[in-house]
Amino acid sequence: MKRFVSLLLLATFSLAVLTACNTMEGLGKDVKKLGQKVEDKASN
């Protein structure tokens, strides 16, 4: 039973970490696009 609980906790933690990576990657892309738009407006 302890082994099952340990594996379940490990799987949950791994899933949370992987989901956070994908979310941060998407956020980085959004910030990059926003920065490009600001630069375009500033240069005009």
PDB file of N, CA and C in Angstrom:
ATOM      1  N   MET A   1       0.816  -1.192   0.000  1.00  0.00           N
ATOM      2  CA  MET A   1       0.000   0.000   0.000  1.00  0.00           C
ATOM      3  C   MET A   1       0.861   1.257   0.000  1.00  0.00           C
ATOM      4  N   LYS A   2       1.954   1.244   0.782  1.00  0.00           N
ATOM      5  CA  LYS A   2       2.847   2.412   0.820  1.00  0.00           C
ATOM      6  C   LYS A   2       3.445   2.674  -0.557  1.00  0.00           C
ATOM      7  N   ARG A   3       3.791   1.594  -1.263  1.00  0.00           N
ATOM      8  CA  ARG A   3       4.383   1.739  -2.588  1.00  0.00           C
ATOM      9  C   ARG A   3       3.391   2.391  -3.552  1.00  0.00           C
ATOM     10  N   PHE A   4       2.122   1.982  -3.482  1.00  0.00           N
ATOM     11  CA  PHE A   4       1.089   2.550  -4.345  1.00  0.00           C
ATOM     12  C   PHE A   4       0.914   4.039  -4.064  1.00  0.00           C
ATOM     13  N   VAL A   5       0.867   4.409  -2.825  1.00  0.00           N
ATOM     14  CA  VAL A   5       0.701   5.816  -2.453  1.00  0.00           C
ATOM     15  C   VAL A   5       1.911   6.625  -2.916  1.00  0.00           C
ATOM     16  N   SER A   6       3.098   6.075  -2.748  1.00  0.00           N
ATOM     17  CA  SER A   6       4.317   6.767  -3.178  1.00  0.00           C
ATOM     18  C   SER A   6       4.318   6.981  -4.692  1.00  0.00           C
ATOM     19  N   LEU A   7       3.941   5.962  -5.452  1.00  0.00           N
ATOM     20  CA  LEU A   7       3.884   6.087  -6.907  1.00  0.00           C
ATOM     21  C   LEU A   7       2.808   7.090  -7.339  1.00  0.00           C
ATOM     22  N   LEU A   8       1.703   7.094  -6.640  1.00  0.00           N
ATOM     23  CA  LEU A   8       0.632   8.035  -6.945  1.00  0.00           C
ATOM     24  C   LEU A   8       1.089   9.469  -6.698  1.00  0.00           C
ATOM     25  N   LEU A   9       1.764   9.699  -5.591  1.00  0.00           N
ATOM     26  CA  LEU A   9       2.286  11.041  -5.287  1.00  0.00           C
ATOM     27  C   LEU A   9       3.337  11.464  -6.310  1.00  0.00           C
ATOM     28  N   LEU A  10       4.200  10.553  -6.701  1.00  0.00           N
ATOM     29  CA  LEU A  10       5.224  10.848  -7.693  1.00  0.00           C
ATOM     30  C   LEU A  10       4.588  11.198  -9.043  1.00  0.00           C
ATOM     31  N   ALA A  11       3.592  10.449  -9.446  1.00  0.00           N
ATOM     32  CA  ALA A  11       2.913  10.717 -10.710  1.00  0.00           C
ATOM     33  C   ALA A  11       2.216  12.077 -10.673  1.00  0.00           C
ATOM     34  N   THR A  12       1.572  12.394  -9.569  1.00  0.00           N
ATOM     35  CA  THR A  12       0.887  13.682  -9.433  1.00  0.00           C
ATOM     36  C   THR A  12       1.883  14.829  -9.478  1.00  0.00           C
ATOM     37  N   PHE A  13       2.984  14.692  -8.775  1.00  0.00           N
ATOM     38  CA  PHE A  13       4.009  15.740  -8.767  1.00  0.00           C
ATOM     39  C   PHE A  13       4.602  15.929 -10.160  1.00  0.00           C
ATOM     40  N   SER A  14       4.881  14.823 -10.849  1.00  0.00           N
ATOM     41  CA  SER A  14       5.448  14.901 -12.200  1.00  0.00           C
ATOM     42  C   SER A  14       4.489  15.586 -13.157  1.00  0.00           C
ATOM     43  N   LEU A  15       3.227  15.260 -13.066  1.00  0.00           N
ATOM     44  CA  LEU A  15       2.220  15.879 -13.922  1.00  0.00           C
ATOM     45  C   LEU A  15       2.135  17.377 -13.658  1.00  0.00           C
ATOM     46  N   ALA A  16       2.194  17.770 -12.404  1.00  0.00           N
ATOM     47  CA  ALA A  16       2.133  19.190 -12.053  1.00  0.00           C
ATOM     48  C   ALA A  16       3.335  19.946 -12.607  1.00  0.00           C
ATOM     49  N   VAL A  17       4.506  19.364 -12.522  1.00  0.00           N
ATOM     50  CA  VAL A  17       5.724  20.008 -13.028  1.00  0.00           C
ATOM     51  C   VAL A  17       5.665  20.157 -14.547  1.00  0.00           C
ATOM     52  N   LEU A  18       5.254  19.120 -15.242  1.00  0.00           N
ATOM     53  CA  LEU A  18       5.180  19.171 -16.707  1.00  0.00           C
ATOM     54  C   LEU A  18       4.134  20.180 -17.170  1.00  0.00           C
ATOM     55  N   THR A  19       3.025  20.249 -16.481  1.00  0.00           N
ATOM     56  CA  THR A  19       1.984  21.210 -16.831  1.00  0.00           C
ATOM     57  C   THR A  19       2.494  22.635 -16.612  1.00  0.00           C
ATOM     58  N   ALA A  20       3.216  22.849 -15.548  1.00  0.00           N
ATOM     59  CA  ALA A  20       3.755  24.183 -15.270  1.00  0.00           C
ATOM     60  C   ALA A  20       4.757  24.596 -16.345  1.00  0.00           C
ATOM     61  N   CYS A  21       5.560  23.670 -16.835  1.00  0.00           N
ATOM     62  CA  CYS A  21       6.523  23.986 -17.892  1.00  0.00           C
ATOM     63  C   CYS A  21       5.804  24.453 -19.147  1.00  0.00           C
ATOM     64  N   ASN A  22       4.766  23.747 -19.531  1.00  0.00           N
ATOM     65  CA  ASN A  22       4.014  24.127 -20.729  1.00  0.00           C
ATOM     66  C   ASN A  22       3.354  25.483 -20.544  1.00  0.00           C
ATOM     67  N   THR A  23       2.837  25.735 -19.367  1.00  0.00           N
ATOM     68  CA  THR A  23       2.186  27.012 -19.097  1.00  0.00           C
ATOM     69  C   THR A  23       3.196  28.143 -19.150  1.00  0.00           C
ATOM     70  N   MET A  24       4.364  27.962 -18.584  1.00  0.00           N
ATOM     71  CA  MET A  24       5.379  29.007 -18.596  1.00  0.00           C
ATOM     72  C   MET A  24       5.892  29.247 -20.011  1.00  0.00           C
ATOM     73  N   GLU A  25       5.976  28.211 -20.814  1.00  0.00           N
ATOM     74  CA  GLU A  25       6.415  28.373 -22.206  1.00  0.00           C
ATOM     75  C   GLU A  25       5.402  29.224 -22.969  1.00  0.00           C
ATOM     76  N   GLY A  26       4.128  28.962 -22.768  1.00  0.00           N
ATOM     77  CA  GLY A  26       3.081  29.750 -23.417  1.00  0.00           C
ATOM     78  C   GLY A  26       3.093  31.192 -22.948  1.00  0.00           C
ATOM     79  N   LEU A  27       3.314  31.384 -21.662  1.00  0.00           N
ATOM     80  CA  LEU A  27       3.379  32.740 -21.116  1.00  0.00           C
ATOM     81  C   LEU A  27       4.567  33.485 -21.708  1.00  0.00           C
ATOM     82  N   GLY A  28       5.689  32.816 -21.861  1.00  0.00           N
ATOM     83  CA  GLY A  28       6.866  33.442 -22.455  1.00  0.00           C
ATOM     84  C   GLY A  28       6.615  33.877 -23.887  1.00  0.00           C
ATOM     85  N   LYS A  29       5.906  33.062 -24.650  1.00  0.00           N
ATOM     86  CA  LYS A  29       5.579  33.423 -26.032  1.00  0.00           C
ATOM     87  C   LYS A  29       4.657  34.640 -26.067  1.00  0.00           C
ATOM     88  N   ASP A  30       3.683  34.687 -25.154  1.00  0.00           N
ATOM     89  CA  ASP A  30       2.761  35.826 -25.108  1.00  0.00           C
ATOM     90  C   ASP A  30       3.495  37.113 -24.755  1.00  0.00           C
ATOM     91  N   VAL A  31       4.401  37.034 -23.798  1.00  0.00           N
ATOM     92  CA  VAL A  31       5.169  38.216 -23.398  1.00  0.00           C
ATOM     93  C   VAL A  31       6.061  38.683 -24.542  1.00  0.00           C
ATOM     94  N   LYS A  32       6.627  37.742 -25.272  1.00  0.00           N
ATOM     95  CA  LYS A  32       7.480  38.083 -26.410  1.00  0.00           C
ATOM     96  C   LYS A  32       6.684  38.824 -27.481  1.00  0.00           C
ATOM     97  N   LYS A  33       5.497  38.337 -27.797  1.00  0.00           N
ATOM     98  CA  LYS A  33       4.641  38.997 -28.788  1.00  0.00           C
ATOM     99  C   LYS A  33       4.263  40.403 -28.325  1.00  0.00           C
ATOM    100  N   LEU A  34       3.942  40.531 -27.063  1.00  0.00           N
ATOM    101  CA  LEU A  34       3.593  41.840 -26.510  1.00  0.00           C
ATOM    102  C   LEU A  34       4.778  42.790 -26.614  1.00  0.00           C
ATOM    103  N   GLY A  35       5.967  42.313 -26.316  1.00  0.00           N
ATOM    104  CA  GLY A  35       7.170  43.138 -26.425  1.00  0.00           C
ATOM    105  C   GLY A  35       7.425  43.591 -27.854  1.00  0.00           C
ATOM    106  N   GLN A  36       7.179  42.718 -28.801  1.00  0.00           N
ATOM    107  CA  GLN A  36       7.363  43.087 -30.212  1.00  0.00           C
ATOM    108  C   GLN A  36       6.372  44.172 -30.619  1.00  0.00           C
ATOM    109  N   LYS A  37       5.135  44.080 -30.162  1.00  0.00           N
ATOM    110  CA  LYS A  37       4.135  45.086 -30.476  1.00  0.00           C
ATOM    111  C   LYS A  37       4.514  46.440 -29.866  1.00  0.00           C
ATOM    112  N   VAL A  38       5.030  46.425 -28.646  1.00  0.00           N
ATOM    113  CA  VAL A  38       5.462  47.664 -27.993  1.00  0.00           C
ATOM    114  C   VAL A  38       6.612  48.298 -28.762  1.00  0.00           C
ATOM    115  N   GLU A  39       7.565  47.462 -29.194  1.00  0.00           N
ATOM    116  CA  GLU A  39       8.690  47.973 -29.979  1.00  0.00           C
ATOM    117  C   GLU A  39       8.220  48.577 -31.297  1.00  0.00           C
ATOM    118  N   ASP A  40       7.270  47.931 -31.948  1.00  0.00           N
ATOM    119  CA  ASP A  40       6.743  48.457 -33.221  1.00  0.00           C
ATOM    120  C   ASP A  40       6.062  49.809 -33.017  1.00  0.00           C
ATOM    121  N   LYS A  41       5.291  49.942 -31.962  1.00  0.00           N
ATOM    122  CA  LYS A  41       4.618  51.215 -31.679  1.00  0.00           C
ATOM    123  C   LYS A  41       5.635  52.291 -31.320  1.00  0.00           C
ATOM    124  N   ALA A  42       6.671  51.936 -30.610  1.00  0.00           N
ATOM    125  CA  ALA A  42       7.681  52.919 -30.192  1.00  0.00           C
ATOM    126  C   ALA A  42       8.490  53.408 -31.377  1.00  0.00           C
ATOM    127  N   SER A  43       8.717  52.554 -32.365  1.00  0.00           N
ATOM    128  CA  SER A  43       9.528  52.956 -33.512  1.00  0.00           C
ATOM    129  C   SER A  43       8.740  53.801 -34.523  1.00  0.00           C
ATOM    130  N   ASN A  44       7.418  53.797 -34.437  1.00  0.00           N
ATOM    131  CA  ASN A  44       6.582  54.589 -35.370  1.00  0.00           C
ATOM    132  C   ASN A  44       6.381  55.989 -34.890  1.00  0.00           C
TER     133      ASN A  44
END
